[in-house]
PDB file of all heavy atoms in Angstrom:
ATOM      1  N   PRO A   1     -58.014  34.321  22.164  1.00  0.00           N
ATOM      2  CA  PRO A   1     -56.670  33.726  22.110  1.00  0.00           C
ATOM      3  C   PRO A   1     -56.327  32.944  23.370  1.00  0.00           C
ATOM      4  O   PRO A   1     -55.646  31.918  23.308  1.00  0.00           O
ATOM      5  CB  PRO A   1     -55.763  34.946  21.930  1.00  0.00           C
ATOM      6  CG  PRO A   1     -56.630  35.975  21.281  1.00  0.00           C
ATOM      7  CD  PRO A   1     -58.002  35.746  21.823  1.00  0.00           C
ATOM      8  N   THR A   2     -56.817  33.396  24.528  1.00  0.00           N
ATOM      9  CA  THR A   2     -56.532  32.690  25.785  1.00  0.00           C
ATOM     10  C   THR A   2     -57.184  31.320  25.799  1.00  0.00           C
ATOM     11  O   THR A   2     -56.583  30.320  26.203  1.00  0.00           O
ATOM     12  CB  THR A   2     -57.019  33.523  26.982  1.00  0.00           C
ATOM     13  OG1 THR A   2     -56.400  34.800  26.949  1.00  0.00           O
ATOM     14  CG2 THR A   2     -56.686  32.816  28.289  1.00  0.00           C
ATOM     15  N   GLN A   3     -58.461  31.260  25.339  1.00  0.00           N
ATOM     16  CA  GLN A   3     -59.154  29.973  25.297  1.00  0.00           C
ATOM     17  C   GLN A   3     -58.495  29.025  24.315  1.00  0.00           C
ATOM     18  O   GLN A   3     -58.360  27.832  24.568  1.00  0.00           O
ATOM     19  CB  GLN A   3     -60.613  30.198  24.916  1.00  0.00           C
ATOM     20  CG  GLN A   3     -61.434  30.924  25.985  1.00  0.00           C
ATOM     21  CD  GLN A   3     -62.840  31.236  25.496  1.00  0.00           C
ATOM     22  OE1 GLN A   3     -63.076  31.324  24.291  1.00  0.00           O
ATOM     23  NE2 GLN A   3     -63.758  31.410  26.436  1.00  0.00           N
ATOM     24  N   THR A   4     -58.088  29.556  23.170  1.00  0.00           N
ATOM     25  CA  THR A   4     -57.410  28.717  22.175  1.00  0.00           C
ATOM     26  C   THR A   4     -56.111  28.157  22.734  1.00  0.00           C
ATOM     27  O   THR A   4     -55.781  26.974  22.540  1.00  0.00           O
ATOM     28  CB  THR A   4     -57.121  29.548  20.910  1.00  0.00           C
ATOM     29  OG1 THR A   4     -58.346  30.084  20.408  1.00  0.00           O
ATOM     30  CG2 THR A   4     -56.469  28.678  19.846  1.00  0.00           C
ATOM     31  N   LYS A   5     -55.351  28.993  23.433  1.00  0.00           N
ATOM     32  CA  LYS A   5     -54.092  28.540  24.025  1.00  0.00           C
ATOM     33  C   LYS A   5     -54.339  27.477  25.082  1.00  0.00           C
ATOM     34  O   LYS A   5     -53.610  26.485  25.172  1.00  0.00           O
ATOM     35  CB  LYS A   5     -53.351  29.741  24.634  1.00  0.00           C
ATOM     36  CG  LYS A   5     -51.988  29.381  25.199  1.00  0.00           C
ATOM     37  CD  LYS A   5     -51.282  30.618  25.732  1.00  0.00           C
ATOM     38  CE  LYS A   5     -49.915  30.243  26.291  1.00  0.00           C
ATOM     39  NZ  LYS A   5     -49.202  31.430  26.840  1.00  0.00           N
ATOM     40  N   THR A   6     -55.398  27.661  25.899  1.00  0.00           N
ATOM     41  CA  THR A   6     -55.726  26.679  26.935  1.00  0.00           C
ATOM     42  C   THR A   6     -56.091  25.338  26.325  1.00  0.00           C
ATOM     43  O   THR A   6     -55.655  24.283  26.793  1.00  0.00           O
ATOM     44  CB  THR A   6     -56.878  27.200  27.807  1.00  0.00           C
ATOM     45  OG1 THR A   6     -56.509  28.455  28.385  1.00  0.00           O
ATOM     46  CG2 THR A   6     -57.194  26.212  28.914  1.00  0.00           C
ATOM     47  N   GLU A   7     -56.921  25.374  25.244  1.00  0.00           N
ATOM     48  CA  GLU A   7     -57.313  24.134  24.585  1.00  0.00           C
ATOM     49  C   GLU A   7     -56.110  23.441  23.951  1.00  0.00           C
ATOM     50  O   GLU A   7     -55.997  22.216  23.997  1.00  0.00           O
ATOM     51  CB  GLU A   7     -58.368  24.442  23.512  1.00  0.00           C
ATOM     52  CG  GLU A   7     -59.706  24.899  24.091  1.00  0.00           C
ATOM     53  CD  GLU A   7     -60.683  25.267  22.999  1.00  0.00           C
ATOM     54  OE1 GLU A   7     -60.304  25.177  21.811  1.00  0.00           O
ATOM     55  OE2 GLU A   7     -61.831  25.645  23.338  1.00  0.00           O
ATOM     56  N   THR A   8     -55.204  24.223  23.380  1.00  0.00           N
ATOM     57  CA  THR A   8     -53.998  23.638  22.781  1.00  0.00           C
ATOM     58  C   THR A   8     -53.136  22.968  23.836  1.00  0.00           C
ATOM     59  O   THR A   8     -52.624  21.856  23.641  1.00  0.00           O
ATOM     60  CB  THR A   8     -53.193  24.727  22.054  1.00  0.00           C
ATOM     61  OG1 THR A   8     -54.017  25.343  21.068  1.00  0.00           O
ATOM     62  CG2 THR A   8     -51.960  24.131  21.387  1.00  0.00           C
ATOM     63  N   ASN A   9     -52.967  23.640  24.979  1.00  0.00           N
ATOM     64  CA  ASN A   9     -52.167  23.062  26.065  1.00  0.00           C
ATOM     65  C   ASN A   9     -52.815  21.795  26.596  1.00  0.00           C
ATOM     66  O   ASN A   9     -52.117  20.822  26.914  1.00  0.00           O
ATOM     67  CB  ASN A   9     -52.009  24.080  27.203  1.00  0.00           C
ATOM     68  CG  ASN A   9     -51.144  25.259  26.801  1.00  0.00           C
ATOM     69  OD1 ASN A   9     -50.330  25.154  25.878  1.00  0.00           O
ATOM     70  ND2 ASN A   9     -51.308  26.387  27.481  1.00  0.00           N
ATOM     71  N   ARG A  10     -54.171  21.792  26.691  1.00  0.00           N
ATOM     72  CA  ARG A  10     -54.870  20.610  27.180  1.00  0.00           C
ATOM     73  C   ARG A  10     -54.689  19.440  26.221  1.00  0.00           C
ATOM     74  O   ARG A  10     -54.446  18.312  26.638  1.00  0.00           O
ATOM     75  CB  ARG A  10     -56.354  20.922  27.374  1.00  0.00           C
ATOM     76  CG  ARG A  10     -57.124  19.788  28.054  1.00  0.00           C
ATOM     77  CD  ARG A  10     -58.598  20.084  28.162  1.00  0.00           C
ATOM     78  NE  ARG A  10     -58.843  21.278  28.960  1.00  0.00           N
ATOM     79  CZ  ARG A  10     -59.339  22.410  28.473  1.00  0.00           C
ATOM     80  NH1 ARG A  10     -59.635  22.506  27.187  1.00  0.00           N
ATOM     81  NH2 ARG A  10     -59.541  23.442  29.267  1.00  0.00           N
ATOM     82  N   ARG A  11     -54.823  19.725  24.923  1.00  0.00           N
ATOM     83  CA  ARG A  11     -54.627  18.670  23.944  1.00  0.00           C
ATOM     84  C   ARG A  11     -53.199  18.147  23.955  1.00  0.00           C
ATOM     85  O   ARG A  11     -52.960  16.957  23.803  1.00  0.00           O
ATOM     86  CB  ARG A  11     -54.990  19.186  22.549  1.00  0.00           C
ATOM     87  CG  ARG A  11     -56.482  19.463  22.365  1.00  0.00           C
ATOM     88  CD  ARG A  11     -56.747  20.137  21.048  1.00  0.00           C
ATOM     89  NE  ARG A  11     -58.163  20.473  20.892  1.00  0.00           N
ATOM     90  CZ  ARG A  11     -58.643  21.216  19.902  1.00  0.00           C
ATOM     91  NH1 ARG A  11     -57.818  21.718  18.984  1.00  0.00           N
ATOM     92  NH2 ARG A  11     -59.939  21.471  19.845  1.00  0.00           N
ATOM     93  N   GLY A  12     -52.249  19.091  24.128  1.00  0.00           N
ATOM     94  CA  GLY A  12     -50.849  18.665  24.190  1.00  0.00           C
ATOM     95  C   GLY A  12     -50.583  17.787  25.394  1.00  0.00           C
ATOM     96  O   GLY A  12     -49.851  16.801  25.304  1.00  0.00           O
ATOM     97  N   LEU A  13     -51.205  18.120  26.535  1.00  0.00           N
ATOM     98  CA  LEU A  13     -51.032  17.303  27.736  1.00  0.00           C
ATOM     99  C   LEU A  13     -51.629  15.922  27.542  1.00  0.00           C
ATOM    100  O   LEU A  13     -51.015  14.907  27.902  1.00  0.00           O
ATOM    101  CB  LEU A  13     -51.683  18.001  28.933  1.00  0.00           C
ATOM    102  CG  LEU A  13     -51.665  17.242  30.266  1.00  0.00           C
ATOM    103  CD1 LEU A  13     -50.225  16.979  30.690  1.00  0.00           C
ATOM    104  CD2 LEU A  13     -52.417  18.020  31.334  1.00  0.00           C
ATOM    105  N   LEU A  14     -52.827  15.861  26.946  1.00  0.00           N
ATOM    106  CA  LEU A  14     -53.460  14.561  26.701  1.00  0.00           C
ATOM    107  C   LEU A  14     -52.640  13.721  25.732  1.00  0.00           C
ATOM    108  O   LEU A  14     -52.518  12.505  25.908  1.00  0.00           O
ATOM    109  CB  LEU A  14     -54.874  14.769  26.154  1.00  0.00           C
ATOM    110  CG  LEU A  14     -55.893  15.384  27.131  1.00  0.00           C
ATOM    111  CD1 LEU A  14     -57.216  15.639  26.417  1.00  0.00           C
ATOM    112  CD2 LEU A  14     -56.110  14.475  28.332  1.00  0.00           C
ATOM    113  N   SER A  15     -52.067  14.363  24.733  1.00  0.00           N
ATOM    114  CA  SER A  15     -51.235  13.627  23.775  1.00  0.00           C
ATOM    115  C   SER A  15     -50.001  13.064  24.447  1.00  0.00           C
ATOM    116  O   SER A  15     -49.605  11.915  24.192  1.00  0.00           O
ATOM    117  CB  SER A  15     -50.832  14.556  22.619  1.00  0.00           C
ATOM    118  OG  SER A  15     -51.966  15.031  21.934  1.00  0.00           O
ATOM    119  N   ARG A  16     -49.396  13.850  25.326  1.00  0.00           N
ATOM    120  CA  ARG A  16     -48.211  13.369  26.034  1.00  0.00           C
ATOM    121  C   ARG A  16     -48.559  12.227  26.974  1.00  0.00           C
ATOM    122  O   ARG A  16     -47.786  11.272  27.123  1.00  0.00           O
ATOM    123  CB  ARG A  16     -47.561  14.515  26.816  1.00  0.00           C
ATOM    124  CG  ARG A  16     -46.854  15.542  25.938  1.00  0.00           C
ATOM    125  CD  ARG A  16     -45.948  16.429  26.756  1.00  0.00           C
ATOM    126  NE  ARG A  16     -46.696  17.227  27.727  1.00  0.00           N
ATOM    127  CZ  ARG A  16     -47.195  18.427  27.480  1.00  0.00           C
ATOM    128  NH1 ARG A  16     -47.037  18.979  26.284  1.00  0.00           N
ATOM    129  NH2 ARG A  16     -47.856  19.091  28.411  1.00  0.00           N
ATOM    130  N   LEU A  17     -49.732  12.312  27.612  1.00  0.00           N
ATOM    131  CA  LEU A  17     -50.155  11.235  28.508  1.00  0.00           C
ATOM    132  C   LEU A  17     -50.397   9.943  27.731  1.00  0.00           C
ATOM    133  O   LEU A  17     -50.026   8.853  28.179  1.00  0.00           O
ATOM    134  CB  LEU A  17     -51.419  11.649  29.264  1.00  0.00           C
ATOM    135  CG  LEU A  17     -51.245  12.732  30.337  1.00  0.00           C
ATOM    136  CD1 LEU A  17     -52.589  13.109  30.935  1.00  0.00           C
ATOM    137  CD2 LEU A  17     -50.286  12.271  31.429  1.00  0.00           C
ATOM    138  N   ARG A  18     -51.035  10.073  26.546  1.00  0.00           N
ATOM    139  CA  ARG A  18     -51.296   8.880  25.743  1.00  0.00           C
ATOM    140  C   ARG A  18     -50.000   8.248  25.247  1.00  0.00           C
ATOM    141  O   ARG A  18     -49.907   7.030  25.113  1.00  0.00           O
ATOM    142  CB  ARG A  18     -52.187   9.243  24.552  1.00  0.00           C
ATOM    143  CG  ARG A  18     -53.605   9.636  24.926  1.00  0.00           C
ATOM    144  CD  ARG A  18     -54.486   9.678  23.692  1.00  0.00           C
ATOM    145  NE  ARG A  18     -55.806  10.242  23.996  1.00  0.00           N
ATOM    146  CZ  ARG A  18     -56.150  11.487  23.733  1.00  0.00           C
ATOM    147  NH1 ARG A  18     -55.284  12.313  23.161  1.00  0.00           N
ATOM    148  NH2 ARG A  18     -57.369  11.929  24.032  1.00  0.00           N
ATOM    149  N   ALA A  19     -49.003   9.106  24.948  1.00  0.00           N
ATOM    150  CA  ALA A  19     -47.737   8.602  24.412  1.00  0.00           C
ATOM    151  C   ALA A  19     -46.759   8.180  25.501  1.00  0.00           C
ATOM    152  O   ALA A  19     -45.677   7.678  25.192  1.00  0.00           O
ATOM    153  CB  ALA A  19     -47.092   9.677  23.533  1.00  0.00           C
ATOM    154  N   SER A  20     -47.128   8.365  26.757  1.00  0.00           N
ATOM    155  CA  SER A  20     -46.219   8.043  27.852  1.00  0.00           C
ATOM    156  C   SER A  20     -46.007   6.536  27.965  1.00  0.00           C
ATOM    157  O   SER A  20     -46.972   5.787  28.143  1.00  0.00           O
ATOM    158  CB  SER A  20     -46.780   8.575  29.176  1.00  0.00           C
ATOM    159  OG  SER A  20     -46.030   8.097  30.267  1.00  0.00           O
ATOM    160  N   PRO A  21     -44.761   6.062  27.850  1.00  0.00           N
ATOM    161  CA  PRO A  21     -44.526   4.618  28.007  1.00  0.00           C
ATOM    162  C   PRO A  21     -44.830   4.133  29.419  1.00  0.00           C
ATOM    163  O   PRO A  21     -45.215   2.984  29.614  1.00  0.00           O
ATOM    164  CB  PRO A  21     -43.033   4.474  27.677  1.00  0.00           C
ATOM    165  CG  PRO A  21     -42.453   5.833  27.877  1.00  0.00           C
ATOM    166  CD  PRO A  21     -43.524   6.804  27.549  1.00  0.00           C
ATOM    167  N   PHE A  22     -44.677   5.035  30.399  1.00  0.00           N
ATOM    168  CA  PHE A  22     -44.975   4.645  31.774  1.00  0.00           C
ATOM    169  C   PHE A  22     -46.455   4.318  31.945  1.00  0.00           C
ATOM    170  O   PHE A  22     -46.819   3.256  32.470  1.00  0.00           O
ATOM    171  CB  PHE A  22     -44.578   5.763  32.735  1.00  0.00           C
ATOM    172  CG  PHE A  22     -45.182   5.636  34.103  1.00  0.00           C
ATOM    173  CD1 PHE A  22     -44.793   4.615  34.952  1.00  0.00           C
ATOM    174  CD2 PHE A  22     -46.162   6.521  34.528  1.00  0.00           C
ATOM    175  CE1 PHE A  22     -45.365   4.479  36.218  1.00  0.00           C
ATOM    176  CE2 PHE A  22     -46.732   6.400  35.776  1.00  0.00           C
ATOM    177  CZ  PHE A  22     -46.328   5.379  36.619  1.00  0.00           C
ATOM    178  N   LEU A  23     -47.330   5.231  31.480  1.00  0.00           N
ATOM    179  CA  LEU A  23     -48.771   4.983  31.599  1.00  0.00           C
ATOM    180  C   LEU A  23     -49.196   3.779  30.771  1.00  0.00           C
ATOM    181  O   LEU A  23     -50.050   2.998  31.179  1.00  0.00           O
ATOM    182  CB  LEU A  23     -49.554   6.219  31.175  1.00  0.00           C
ATOM    183  CG  LEU A  23     -49.572   7.397  32.157  1.00  0.00           C
ATOM    184  CD1 LEU A  23     -50.359   8.548  31.569  1.00  0.00           C
ATOM    185  CD2 LEU A  23     -50.151   6.973  33.492  1.00  0.00           C
ATOM    186  N   SER A  24     -48.588   3.643  29.590  1.00  0.00           N
ATOM    187  CA  SER A  24     -48.923   2.497  28.742  1.00  0.00           C
ATOM    188  C   SER A  24     -48.584   1.190  29.438  1.00  0.00           C
ATOM    189  O   SER A  24     -49.389   0.246  29.452  1.00  0.00           O
ATOM    190  CB  SER A  24     -48.173   2.607  27.415  1.00  0.00           C
ATOM    191  OG  SER A  24     -48.426   1.476  26.605  1.00  0.00           O
ATOM    192  N   ASP A  25     -47.379   1.124  30.031  1.00  0.00           N
ATOM    193  CA  ASP A  25     -46.976  -0.098  30.728  1.00  0.00           C
ATOM    194  C   ASP A  25     -47.791  -0.324  31.992  1.00  0.00           C
ATOM    195  O   ASP A  25     -48.153  -1.458  32.316  1.00  0.00           O
ATOM    196  CB  ASP A  25     -45.488  -0.034  31.079  1.00  0.00           C
ATOM    197  CG  ASP A  25     -44.606  -0.123  29.850  1.00  0.00           C
ATOM    198  OD1 ASP A  25     -45.112  -0.545  28.801  1.00  0.00           O
ATOM    199  OD2 ASP A  25     -43.421   0.252  29.937  1.00  0.00           O
ATOM    200  N   LEU A  26     -48.105   0.768  32.691  1.00  0.00           N
ATOM    201  CA  LEU A  26     -48.854   0.637  33.939  1.00  0.00           C
ATOM    202  C   LEU A  26     -50.278   0.148  33.669  1.00  0.00           C
ATOM    203  O   LEU A  26     -50.770  -0.772  34.343  1.00  0.00           O
ATOM    204  CB  LEU A  26     -48.890   1.974  34.674  1.00  0.00           C
ATOM    205  CG  LEU A  26     -49.621   1.997  36.022  1.00  0.00           C
ATOM    206  CD1 LEU A  26     -48.914   1.096  37.023  1.00  0.00           C
ATOM    207  CD2 LEU A  26     -49.706   3.416  36.570  1.00  0.00           C
ATOM    208  N   LEU A  27     -50.937   0.752  32.683  1.00  0.00           N
ATOM    209  CA  LEU A  27     -52.324   0.388  32.392  1.00  0.00           C
ATOM    210  C   LEU A  27     -52.441  -0.971  31.706  1.00  0.00           C
ATOM    211  O   LEU A  27     -53.528  -1.556  31.673  1.00  0.00           O
ATOM    212  CB  LEU A  27     -52.976   1.460  31.523  1.00  0.00           C
ATOM    213  CG  LEU A  27     -53.106   2.844  32.176  1.00  0.00           C
ATOM    214  CD1 LEU A  27     -53.729   3.843  31.225  1.00  0.00           C
ATOM    215  CD2 LEU A  27     -53.912   2.762  33.469  1.00  0.00           C
ATOM    216  N   SER A  28     -51.338  -1.472  31.159  1.00  0.00           N
ATOM    217  CA  SER A  28     -51.363  -2.809  30.567  1.00  0.00           C
ATOM    218  C   SER A  28     -51.097  -3.901  31.593  1.00  0.00           C
ATOM    219  O   SER A  28     -51.205  -5.090  31.286  1.00  0.00           O
ATOM    220  CB  SER A  28     -50.333  -2.902  29.435  1.00  0.00           C
ATOM    221  OG  SER A  28     -49.017  -2.720  29.933  1.00  0.00           O
ATOM    222  N   ASN A  29     -50.749  -3.483  32.801  1.00  0.00           N
ATOM    223  CA  ASN A  29     -50.491  -4.424  33.893  1.00  0.00           C
ATOM    224  C   ASN A  29     -51.810  -4.670  34.631  1.00  0.00           C
ATOM    225  O   ASN A  29     -52.348  -3.782  35.277  1.00  0.00           O
ATOM    226  CB  ASN A  29     -49.438  -3.851  34.842  1.00  0.00           C
ATOM    227  CG  ASN A  29     -48.969  -4.846  35.871  1.00  0.00           C
ATOM    228  OD1 ASN A  29     -49.760  -5.628  36.406  1.00  0.00           O
ATOM    229  ND2 ASN A  29     -47.686  -4.826  36.179  1.00  0.00           N
ATOM    230  N   ARG A  30     -52.327  -5.881  34.516  1.00  0.00           N
ATOM    231  CA  ARG A  30     -53.635  -6.187  35.106  1.00  0.00           C
ATOM    232  C   ARG A  30     -53.621  -6.084  36.627  1.00  0.00           C
ATOM    233  O   ARG A  30     -54.595  -5.634  37.239  1.00  0.00           O
ATOM    234  CB  ARG A  30     -54.080  -7.580  34.681  1.00  0.00           C
ATOM    235  CG  ARG A  30     -54.352  -7.714  33.185  1.00  0.00           C
ATOM    236  CD  ARG A  30     -54.821  -9.101  32.837  1.00  0.00           C
ATOM    237  NE  ARG A  30     -55.100  -9.226  31.393  1.00  0.00           N
ATOM    238  CZ  ARG A  30     -55.511 -10.343  30.818  1.00  0.00           C
ATOM    239  NH1 ARG A  30     -55.696 -11.442  31.548  1.00  0.00           N
ATOM    240  NH2 ARG A  30     -55.727 -10.369  29.511  1.00  0.00           N
ATOM    241  N   LEU A  31     -52.533  -6.494  37.245  1.00  0.00           N
ATOM    242  CA  LEU A  31     -52.458  -6.411  38.703  1.00  0.00           C
ATOM    243  C   LEU A  31     -52.431  -4.958  39.165  1.00  0.00           C
ATOM    244  O   LEU A  31     -53.051  -4.602  40.168  1.00  0.00           O
ATOM    245  CB  LEU A  31     -51.220  -7.157  39.205  1.00  0.00           C
ATOM    246  CG  LEU A  31     -51.235  -8.680  39.028  1.00  0.00           C
ATOM    247  CD1 LEU A  31     -49.950  -9.301  39.555  1.00  0.00           C
ATOM    248  CD2 LEU A  31     -52.442  -9.291  39.737  1.00  0.00           C
ATOM    249  N   ALA A  32     -51.705  -4.110  38.419  1.00  0.00           N
ATOM    250  CA  ALA A  32     -51.683  -2.690  38.763  1.00  0.00           C
ATOM    251  C   ALA A  32     -53.065  -2.071  38.600  1.00  0.00           C
ATOM    252  O   ALA A  32     -53.495  -1.257  39.425  1.00  0.00           O
ATOM    253  CB  ALA A  32     -50.666  -1.953  37.903  1.00  0.00           C
ATOM    254  N   LEU A  33     -53.778  -2.451  37.545  1.00  0.00           N
ATOM    255  CA  LEU A  33     -55.134  -1.961  37.353  1.00  0.00           C
ATOM    256  C   LEU A  33     -56.043  -2.410  38.488  1.00  0.00           C
ATOM    257  O   LEU A  33     -56.887  -1.635  38.968  1.00  0.00           O
ATOM    258  CB  LEU A  33     -55.682  -2.457  36.013  1.00  0.00           C
ATOM    259  CG  LEU A  33     -55.228  -1.704  34.758  1.00  0.00           C
ATOM    260  CD1 LEU A  33     -55.796  -2.371  33.516  1.00  0.00           C
ATOM    261  CD2 LEU A  33     -55.649  -0.247  34.821  1.00  0.00           C
ATOM    262  N   ALA A  34     -55.879  -3.653  38.919  1.00  0.00           N
ATOM    263  CA  ALA A  34     -56.670  -4.140  40.052  1.00  0.00           C
ATOM    264  C   ALA A  34     -56.364  -3.321  41.299  1.00  0.00           C
ATOM    265  O   ALA A  34     -57.269  -2.987  42.082  1.00  0.00           O
ATOM    266  CB  ALA A  34     -56.388  -5.617  40.299  1.00  0.00           C
ATOM    267  N   GLY A  35     -55.083  -2.985  41.493  1.00  0.00           N
ATOM    268  CA  GLY A  35     -54.714  -2.154  42.639  1.00  0.00           C
ATOM    269  C   GLY A  35     -55.341  -0.774  42.568  1.00  0.00           C
ATOM    270  O   GLY A  35     -55.820  -0.248  43.576  1.00  0.00           O
ATOM    271  N   ILE A  36     -55.341  -0.172  41.374  1.00  0.00           N
ATOM    272  CA  ILE A  36     -55.955   1.147  41.201  1.00  0.00           C
ATOM    273  C   ILE A  36     -57.443   1.094  41.525  1.00  0.00           C
ATOM    274  O   ILE A  36     -57.989   1.981  42.200  1.00  0.00           O
ATOM    275  CB  ILE A  36     -55.723   1.654  39.764  1.00  0.00           C
ATOM    276  CG1 ILE A  36     -54.235   1.925  39.537  1.00  0.00           C
ATOM    277  CG2 ILE A  36     -56.535   2.912  39.502  1.00  0.00           C
ATOM    278  CD1 ILE A  36     -53.890   2.284  38.105  1.00  0.00           C
ATOM    279  N   VAL A  37     -58.102   0.046  41.051  1.00  0.00           N
ATOM    280  CA  VAL A  37     -59.548  -0.091  41.310  1.00  0.00           C
ATOM    281  C   VAL A  37     -59.806  -0.225  42.809  1.00  0.00           C
ATOM    282  O   VAL A  37     -60.712   0.425  43.360  1.00  0.00           O
ATOM    283  CB  VAL A  37     -60.114  -1.303  40.547  1.00  0.00           C
ATOM    284  CG1 VAL A  37     -61.547  -1.592  40.986  1.00  0.00           C
ATOM    285  CG2 VAL A  37     -60.063  -1.061  39.045  1.00  0.00           C
ATOM    286  N   LEU A  38     -59.030  -1.056  43.484  1.00  0.00           N
ATOM    287  CA  LEU A  38     -59.221  -1.235  44.928  1.00  0.00           C
ATOM    288  C   LEU A  38     -58.997   0.077  45.680  1.00  0.00           C
ATOM    289  O   LEU A  38     -59.766   0.418  46.597  1.00  0.00           O
ATOM    290  CB  LEU A  38     -58.256  -2.302  45.448  1.00  0.00           C
ATOM    291  CG  LEU A  38     -58.527  -3.745  45.001  1.00  0.00           C
ATOM    292  CD1 LEU A  38     -57.440  -4.679  45.539  1.00  0.00           C
ATOM    293  CD2 LEU A  38     -59.895  -4.219  45.468  1.00  0.00           C
TER     294      LEU A  38
END
């Protein structure tokens, strides 16, 4: 049950990150991506 709960929380975190408008806008900004790479 502990492993199942951990996997569920991890999936929930990844889903929230994918749905985040902030990350979506940030990663769609080419200049910001260039800054991250540098």
